[in-house]
């Protein structure tokens, strides 16, 4: 974990960099809350990220998108400090990658495949050291993408729990590890709560 954190600490520009508003709008990620041990809970709504469309906008957008995705890990590691104390240091995080609404066209270019694989590799390397890591709402297309990346991601993906769109399967497992009152309403939609 130290090497992953160090790689992002060596980039102080990531913390201060302001991403284009359009990226913030179309590629949501956020701090949802904290678990009982004060570990941050992060949600990345990757299912709606139009990677191919962004990369097709040209080199400036590709550079901004790369920086934006790197900034996610920077913010995750920075969030350890929010609730960390000398008596209770926070050294882990929780991660939920939501692939709801994933469309295969977001991935239909060599550049998009390469970019996503590279960034997902970073994310899963960090997730190796997470307390809990979930990929939820996988559909047929996102399962294909995950299976394509599996050989590249290797053991890092083994610690990540992957679930389909049947919330009756993943809600109970997630609630064993994460407090419901600290999870965003985007994850806990009313219809999903009825499944518990």
C-alpha atoms as a PDB file:
ATOM      1  CA  UNK A   1       0.000   0.000   0.000  1.00  0.00           C
ATOM      2  CA  UNK A   2       2.866   2.330   0.821  1.00  0.00           C
ATOM      3  CA  UNK A   3       4.090   2.213  -2.786  1.00  0.00           C
ATOM      4  CA  UNK A   4       0.632   2.969  -4.159  1.00  0.00           C
ATOM      5  CA  UNK A   5       0.160   5.868  -1.723  1.00  0.00           C
ATOM      6  CA  UNK A   6       3.697   7.139  -2.349  1.00  0.00           C
ATOM      7  CA  UNK A   7       3.085   7.238  -6.092  1.00  0.00           C
ATOM      8  CA  UNK A   8       0.224   9.650  -5.546  1.00  0.00           C
ATOM      9  CA  UNK A   9       1.896  11.633  -2.765  1.00  0.00           C
ATOM     10  CA  UNK A  10       4.689  12.356  -5.232  1.00  0.00           C
ATOM     11  CA  UNK A  11       2.078  14.173  -7.324  1.00  0.00           C
ATOM     12  CA  UNK A  12       0.957  17.123  -5.182  1.00  0.00           C
ATOM     13  CA  UNK A  13      -0.568  18.690  -8.296  1.00  0.00           C
ATOM     14  CA  UNK A  14      -3.362  16.087  -8.168  1.00  0.00           C
ATOM     15  CA  UNK A  15      -4.742  17.474  -4.921  1.00  0.00           C
ATOM     16  CA  UNK A  16      -4.873  21.050  -6.189  1.00  0.00           C
ATOM     17  CA  UNK A  17      -5.872  20.349  -9.775  1.00  0.00           C
ATOM     18  CA  UNK A  18      -9.412  21.400 -10.677  1.00  0.00           C
ATOM     19  CA  UNK A  19     -11.022  19.048 -13.149  1.00  0.00           C
ATOM     20  CA  UNK A  20     -13.283  20.263 -15.943  1.00  0.00           C
ATOM     21  CA  UNK A  21     -16.903  20.563 -14.762  1.00  0.00           C
ATOM     22  CA  UNK A  22     -18.061  18.265 -17.545  1.00  0.00           C
ATOM     23  CA  UNK A  23     -15.865  15.436 -16.228  1.00  0.00           C
ATOM     24  CA  UNK A  24     -17.209  15.922 -12.710  1.00  0.00           C
ATOM     25  CA  UNK A  25     -20.757  15.764 -14.069  1.00  0.00           C
ATOM     26  CA  UNK A  26     -20.406  12.751 -16.368  1.00  0.00           C
ATOM     27  CA  UNK A  27     -17.900  10.711 -14.302  1.00  0.00           C
ATOM     28  CA  UNK A  28     -19.209  10.780 -10.732  1.00  0.00           C
ATOM     29  CA  UNK A  29     -17.305   9.552  -7.698  1.00  0.00           C
ATOM     30  CA  UNK A  30     -17.792  10.612  -4.096  1.00  0.00           C
ATOM     31  CA  UNK A  31     -17.108   9.983  -0.429  1.00  0.00           C
ATOM     32  CA  UNK A  32     -20.300   8.366   0.854  1.00  0.00           C
ATOM     33  CA  UNK A  33     -19.476   8.090   4.561  1.00  0.00           C
ATOM     34  CA  UNK A  34     -17.428   6.112   7.077  1.00  0.00           C
ATOM     35  CA  UNK A  35     -17.673   2.655   8.609  1.00  0.00           C
ATOM     36  CA  UNK A  36     -17.530   1.837  12.351  1.00  0.00           C
ATOM     37  CA  UNK A  37     -13.718   1.886  12.264  1.00  0.00           C
ATOM     38  CA  UNK A  38     -13.736   5.367  10.634  1.00  0.00           C
ATOM     39  CA  UNK A  39     -12.592   3.990   7.283  1.00  0.00           C
ATOM     40  CA  UNK A  40     -13.900   6.080   4.377  1.00  0.00           C
ATOM     41  CA  UNK A  41     -16.492   4.599   2.018  1.00  0.00           C
ATOM     42  CA  UNK A  42     -15.990   5.683  -1.598  1.00  0.00           C
ATOM     43  CA  UNK A  43     -18.403   5.166  -4.477  1.00  0.00           C
ATOM     44  CA  UNK A  44     -17.339   5.323  -8.125  1.00  0.00           C
ATOM     45  CA  UNK A  45     -20.295   5.320 -10.525  1.00  0.00           C
ATOM     46  CA  UNK A  46     -18.192   3.919 -13.342  1.00  0.00           C
ATOM     47  CA  UNK A  47     -21.142   2.466 -15.236  1.00  0.00           C
ATOM     48  CA  UNK A  48     -22.033   5.883 -16.648  1.00  0.00           C
ATOM     49  CA  UNK A  49     -18.502   6.991 -17.510  1.00  0.00           C
ATOM     50  CA  UNK A  50     -18.392   7.485 -21.321  1.00  0.00           C
ATOM     51  CA  UNK A  51     -14.695   6.643 -21.662  1.00  0.00           C
ATOM     52  CA  UNK A  52     -14.666   6.236 -25.435  1.00  0.00           C
ATOM     53  CA  UNK A  53     -16.509   9.528 -26.001  1.00  0.00           C
ATOM     54  CA  UNK A  54     -14.121  11.410 -23.706  1.00  0.00           C
ATOM     55  CA  UNK A  55     -11.004   9.975 -25.341  1.00  0.00           C
ATOM     56  CA  UNK A  56     -12.346  10.791 -28.806  1.00  0.00           C
ATOM     57  CA  UNK A  57     -12.373  14.500 -27.877  1.00  0.00           C
ATOM     58  CA  UNK A  58      -8.606  14.605 -28.343  1.00  0.00           C
ATOM     59  CA  UNK A  59      -5.311  14.763 -26.433  1.00  0.00           C
ATOM     60  CA  UNK A  60      -6.338  17.556 -24.047  1.00  0.00           C
ATOM     61  CA  UNK A  61      -9.378  15.619 -22.887  1.00  0.00           C
ATOM     62  CA  UNK A  62      -7.380  12.396 -22.649  1.00  0.00           C
ATOM     63  CA  UNK A  63      -4.840  14.141 -20.432  1.00  0.00           C
ATOM     64  CA  UNK A  64      -7.567  15.677 -18.254  1.00  0.00           C
ATOM     65  CA  UNK A  65      -9.386  12.345 -17.980  1.00  0.00           C
ATOM     66  CA  UNK A  66      -6.198  10.572 -16.943  1.00  0.00           C
ATOM     67  CA  UNK A  67      -5.517  13.199 -14.315  1.00  0.00           C
ATOM     68  CA  UNK A  68      -9.120  13.024 -13.120  1.00  0.00           C
ATOM     69  CA  UNK A  69      -8.974   9.253 -12.644  1.00  0.00           C
ATOM     70  CA  UNK A  70      -5.628   9.511 -10.846  1.00  0.00           C
ATOM     71  CA  UNK A  71      -7.133  12.165  -8.611  1.00  0.00           C
ATOM     72  CA  UNK A  72      -9.660   9.603  -7.372  1.00  0.00           C
ATOM     73  CA  UNK A  73      -6.923   7.568  -5.688  1.00  0.00           C
ATOM     74  CA  UNK A  74      -5.314  10.720  -4.378  1.00  0.00           C
ATOM     75  CA  UNK A  75      -8.592  11.732  -2.731  1.00  0.00           C
ATOM     76  CA  UNK A  76      -9.175   8.238  -1.379  1.00  0.00           C
ATOM     77  CA  UNK A  77      -5.772   8.235   0.318  1.00  0.00           C
ATOM     78  CA  UNK A  78      -6.233  11.811   1.553  1.00  0.00           C
ATOM     79  CA  UNK A  79      -9.542  10.793   3.118  1.00  0.00           C
ATOM     80  CA  UNK A  80      -7.696   8.526   5.579  1.00  0.00           C
ATOM     81  CA  UNK A  81      -6.761  11.703   7.474  1.00  0.00           C
ATOM     82  CA  UNK A  82     -10.341  12.881   7.961  1.00  0.00           C
ATOM     83  CA  UNK A  83     -11.104  10.558  10.890  1.00  0.00           C
ATOM     84  CA  UNK A  84      -7.633   9.213  11.680  1.00  0.00           C
ATOM     85  CA  UNK A  85      -6.248   9.778  15.186  1.00  0.00           C
ATOM     86  CA  UNK A  86      -3.065   8.739  16.961  1.00  0.00           C
ATOM     87  CA  UNK A  87      -5.061   6.163  18.930  1.00  0.00           C
ATOM     88  CA  UNK A  88      -7.008   4.954  15.901  1.00  0.00           C
ATOM     89  CA  UNK A  89      -5.024   5.465  12.693  1.00  0.00           C
ATOM     90  CA  UNK A  90      -7.038   4.895   9.526  1.00  0.00           C
ATOM     91  CA  UNK A  91      -5.053   2.920   6.968  1.00  0.00           C
ATOM     92  CA  UNK A  92      -7.794   1.279   4.898  1.00  0.00           C
ATOM     93  CA  UNK A  93     -10.799   2.326   2.874  1.00  0.00           C
ATOM     94  CA  UNK A  94     -13.979   0.813   1.468  1.00  0.00           C
ATOM     95  CA  UNK A  95     -14.789   0.942  -2.227  1.00  0.00           C
ATOM     96  CA  UNK A  96     -17.970   0.430  -4.222  1.00  0.00           C
ATOM     97  CA  UNK A  97     -17.689   0.535  -8.009  1.00  0.00           C
ATOM     98  CA  UNK A  98     -21.208   0.820  -9.424  1.00  0.00           C
ATOM     99  CA  UNK A  99     -21.527  -0.338 -13.032  1.00  0.00           C
ATOM    100  CA  UNK A 100     -25.237   0.444 -13.307  1.00  0.00           C
ATOM    101  CA  UNK A 101     -26.093   1.652 -16.847  1.00  0.00           C
ATOM    102  CA  UNK A 102     -22.793   0.437 -18.326  1.00  0.00           C
ATOM    103  CA  UNK A 103     -22.946   0.397 -22.122  1.00  0.00           C
ATOM    104  CA  UNK A 104     -20.508  -1.560 -24.259  1.00  0.00           C
ATOM    105  CA  UNK A 105     -20.122   1.433 -26.599  1.00  0.00           C
ATOM    106  CA  UNK A 106     -18.263   3.251 -23.773  1.00  0.00           C
ATOM    107  CA  UNK A 107     -15.567   0.653 -24.293  1.00  0.00           C
ATOM    108  CA  UNK A 108     -15.575   0.074 -28.075  1.00  0.00           C
ATOM    109  CA  UNK A 109     -12.184   1.364 -29.088  1.00  0.00           C
ATOM    110  CA  UNK A 110      -8.642   0.159 -28.565  1.00  0.00           C
ATOM    111  CA  UNK A 111      -7.823   3.407 -26.803  1.00  0.00           C
ATOM    112  CA  UNK A 112     -10.781   3.020 -24.413  1.00  0.00           C
ATOM    113  CA  UNK A 113      -9.848  -0.597 -23.639  1.00  0.00           C
ATOM    114  CA  UNK A 114      -6.223   0.346 -22.990  1.00  0.00           C
ATOM    115  CA  UNK A 115      -7.100   3.389 -20.881  1.00  0.00           C
ATOM    116  CA  UNK A 116      -9.700   1.552 -18.793  1.00  0.00           C
ATOM    117  CA  UNK A 117      -7.435  -1.435 -18.215  1.00  0.00           C
ATOM    118  CA  UNK A 118      -4.584   0.807 -17.066  1.00  0.00           C
ATOM    119  CA  UNK A 119      -6.787   2.791 -14.678  1.00  0.00           C
ATOM    120  CA  UNK A 120      -8.661  -0.244 -13.385  1.00  0.00           C
ATOM    121  CA  UNK A 121      -5.285  -1.855 -12.686  1.00  0.00           C
ATOM    122  CA  UNK A 122      -4.369   1.091 -10.451  1.00  0.00           C
ATOM    123  CA  UNK A 123      -7.741   0.953  -8.751  1.00  0.00           C
ATOM    124  CA  UNK A 124      -7.590  -2.778  -8.084  1.00  0.00           C
ATOM    125  CA  UNK A 125      -4.015  -2.462  -6.797  1.00  0.00           C
ATOM    126  CA  UNK A 126      -5.294   0.037  -4.259  1.00  0.00           C
ATOM    127  CA  UNK A 127      -8.329  -2.168  -3.565  1.00  0.00           C
ATOM    128  CA  UNK A 128      -5.973  -4.985  -2.595  1.00  0.00           C
ATOM    129  CA  UNK A 129      -5.431  -2.997   0.571  1.00  0.00           C
ATOM    130  CA  UNK A 130      -9.055  -1.989   1.046  1.00  0.00           C
ATOM    131  CA  UNK A 131     -11.132  -3.239   3.944  1.00  0.00           C
ATOM    132  CA  UNK A 132     -13.967  -4.029   1.515  1.00  0.00           C
ATOM    133  CA  UNK A 133     -14.212  -3.651  -2.251  1.00  0.00           C
ATOM    134  CA  UNK A 134     -17.336  -4.316  -4.293  1.00  0.00           C
ATOM    135  CA  UNK A 135     -18.238  -4.079  -7.967  1.00  0.00           C
ATOM    136  CA  UNK A 136     -22.037  -4.024  -8.210  1.00  0.00           C
ATOM    137  CA  UNK A 137     -24.648  -3.913 -10.961  1.00  0.00           C
ATOM    138  CA  UNK A 138     -22.555  -5.732 -13.512  1.00  0.00           C
ATOM    139  CA  UNK A 139     -24.460  -6.528 -16.675  1.00  0.00           C
ATOM    140  CA  UNK A 140     -23.597  -8.802 -19.587  1.00  0.00           C
ATOM    141  CA  UNK A 141     -21.309  -6.205 -21.191  1.00  0.00           C
ATOM    142  CA  UNK A 142     -19.493  -5.188 -18.011  1.00  0.00           C
ATOM    143  CA  UNK A 143     -18.916  -8.882 -17.190  1.00  0.00           C
ATOM    144  CA  UNK A 144     -17.264  -9.278 -20.609  1.00  0.00           C
ATOM    145  CA  UNK A 145     -15.055  -6.255 -19.907  1.00  0.00           C
ATOM    146  CA  UNK A 146     -14.098  -7.537 -16.436  1.00  0.00           C
ATOM    147  CA  UNK A 147     -13.293 -10.960 -17.863  1.00  0.00           C
ATOM    148  CA  UNK A 148     -11.113  -9.366 -20.564  1.00  0.00           C
ATOM    149  CA  UNK A 149      -9.200  -7.457 -17.884  1.00  0.00           C
ATOM    150  CA  UNK A 150      -8.923 -10.388 -15.455  1.00  0.00           C
ATOM    151  CA  UNK A 151      -5.586 -11.727 -16.855  1.00  0.00           C
ATOM    152  CA  UNK A 152      -4.048  -8.245 -16.673  1.00  0.00           C
ATOM    153  CA  UNK A 153      -5.404  -7.484 -13.201  1.00  0.00           C
ATOM    154  CA  UNK A 154      -4.493 -10.893 -11.821  1.00  0.00           C
ATOM    155  CA  UNK A 155      -4.552 -11.379  -8.056  1.00  0.00           C
ATOM    156  CA  UNK A 156      -5.596  -7.783  -7.409  1.00  0.00           C
ATOM    157  CA  UNK A 157      -9.103  -8.601  -8.637  1.00  0.00           C
ATOM    158  CA  UNK A 158      -9.381 -11.623  -6.328  1.00  0.00           C
ATOM    159  CA  UNK A 159     -10.090  -9.416  -3.289  1.00  0.00           C
ATOM    160  CA  UNK A 160     -12.846  -7.536  -5.082  1.00  0.00           C
ATOM    161  CA  UNK A 161     -16.358  -8.973  -4.747  1.00  0.00           C
ATOM    162  CA  UNK A 162     -18.241  -8.753  -8.048  1.00  0.00           C
ATOM    163  CA  UNK A 163     -22.050  -8.817  -8.144  1.00  0.00           C
ATOM    164  CA  UNK A 164     -24.671  -8.571 -10.851  1.00  0.00           C
ATOM    165  CA  UNK A 165     -27.702  -6.315 -10.823  1.00  0.00           C
ATOM    166  CA  UNK A 166     -29.698  -8.468  -8.399  1.00  0.00           C
ATOM    167  CA  UNK A 167     -29.472  -6.304  -5.293  1.00  0.00           C
ATOM    168  CA  UNK A 168     -30.968  -9.115  -3.188  1.00  0.00           C
ATOM    169  CA  UNK A 169     -27.589 -10.808  -3.588  1.00  0.00           C
ATOM    170  CA  UNK A 170     -25.217  -7.972  -2.787  1.00  0.00           C
ATOM    171  CA  UNK A 171     -27.139  -5.796  -0.313  1.00  0.00           C
ATOM    172  CA  UNK A 172     -27.032  -8.337   2.547  1.00  0.00           C
ATOM    173  CA  UNK A 173     -23.318  -9.011   1.973  1.00  0.00           C
ATOM    174  CA  UNK A 174     -22.517  -5.321   1.822  1.00  0.00           C
ATOM    175  CA  UNK A 175     -24.515  -4.560   4.979  1.00  0.00           C
ATOM    176  CA  UNK A 176     -22.410  -7.079   6.898  1.00  0.00           C
ATOM    177  CA  UNK A 177     -19.378  -4.884   6.248  1.00  0.00           C
ATOM    178  CA  UNK A 178     -20.710  -1.352   5.801  1.00  0.00           C
ATOM    179  CA  UNK A 179     -23.265   0.640   7.813  1.00  0.00           C
ATOM    180  CA  UNK A 180     -26.349   1.501   5.786  1.00  0.00           C
ATOM    181  CA  UNK A 181     -26.642   4.988   7.315  1.00  0.00           C
ATOM    182  CA  UNK A 182     -23.247   5.913   5.844  1.00  0.00           C
ATOM    183  CA  UNK A 183     -24.085   4.879   2.307  1.00  0.00           C
ATOM    184  CA  UNK A 184     -25.336   7.301  -0.297  1.00  0.00           C
ATOM    185  CA  UNK A 185     -28.971   7.210  -1.294  1.00  0.00           C
ATOM    186  CA  UNK A 186     -27.709   6.665  -4.837  1.00  0.00           C
ATOM    187  CA  UNK A 187     -26.602   3.187  -3.743  1.00  0.00           C
ATOM    188  CA  UNK A 188     -29.564   2.560  -1.445  1.00  0.00           C
ATOM    189  CA  UNK A 189     -32.490   3.389  -3.635  1.00  0.00           C
ATOM    190  CA  UNK A 190     -35.873   2.667  -2.076  1.00  0.00           C
ATOM    191  CA  UNK A 191     -36.521  -0.321  -4.334  1.00  0.00           C
ATOM    192  CA  UNK A 192     -33.210  -1.876  -3.302  1.00  0.00           C
ATOM    193  CA  UNK A 193     -33.901  -1.408   0.397  1.00  0.00           C
ATOM    194  CA  UNK A 194     -37.118  -3.358  -0.027  1.00  0.00           C
ATOM    195  CA  UNK A 195     -34.979  -6.293  -1.117  1.00  0.00           C
ATOM    196  CA  UNK A 196     -33.384  -6.553   2.343  1.00  0.00           C
END
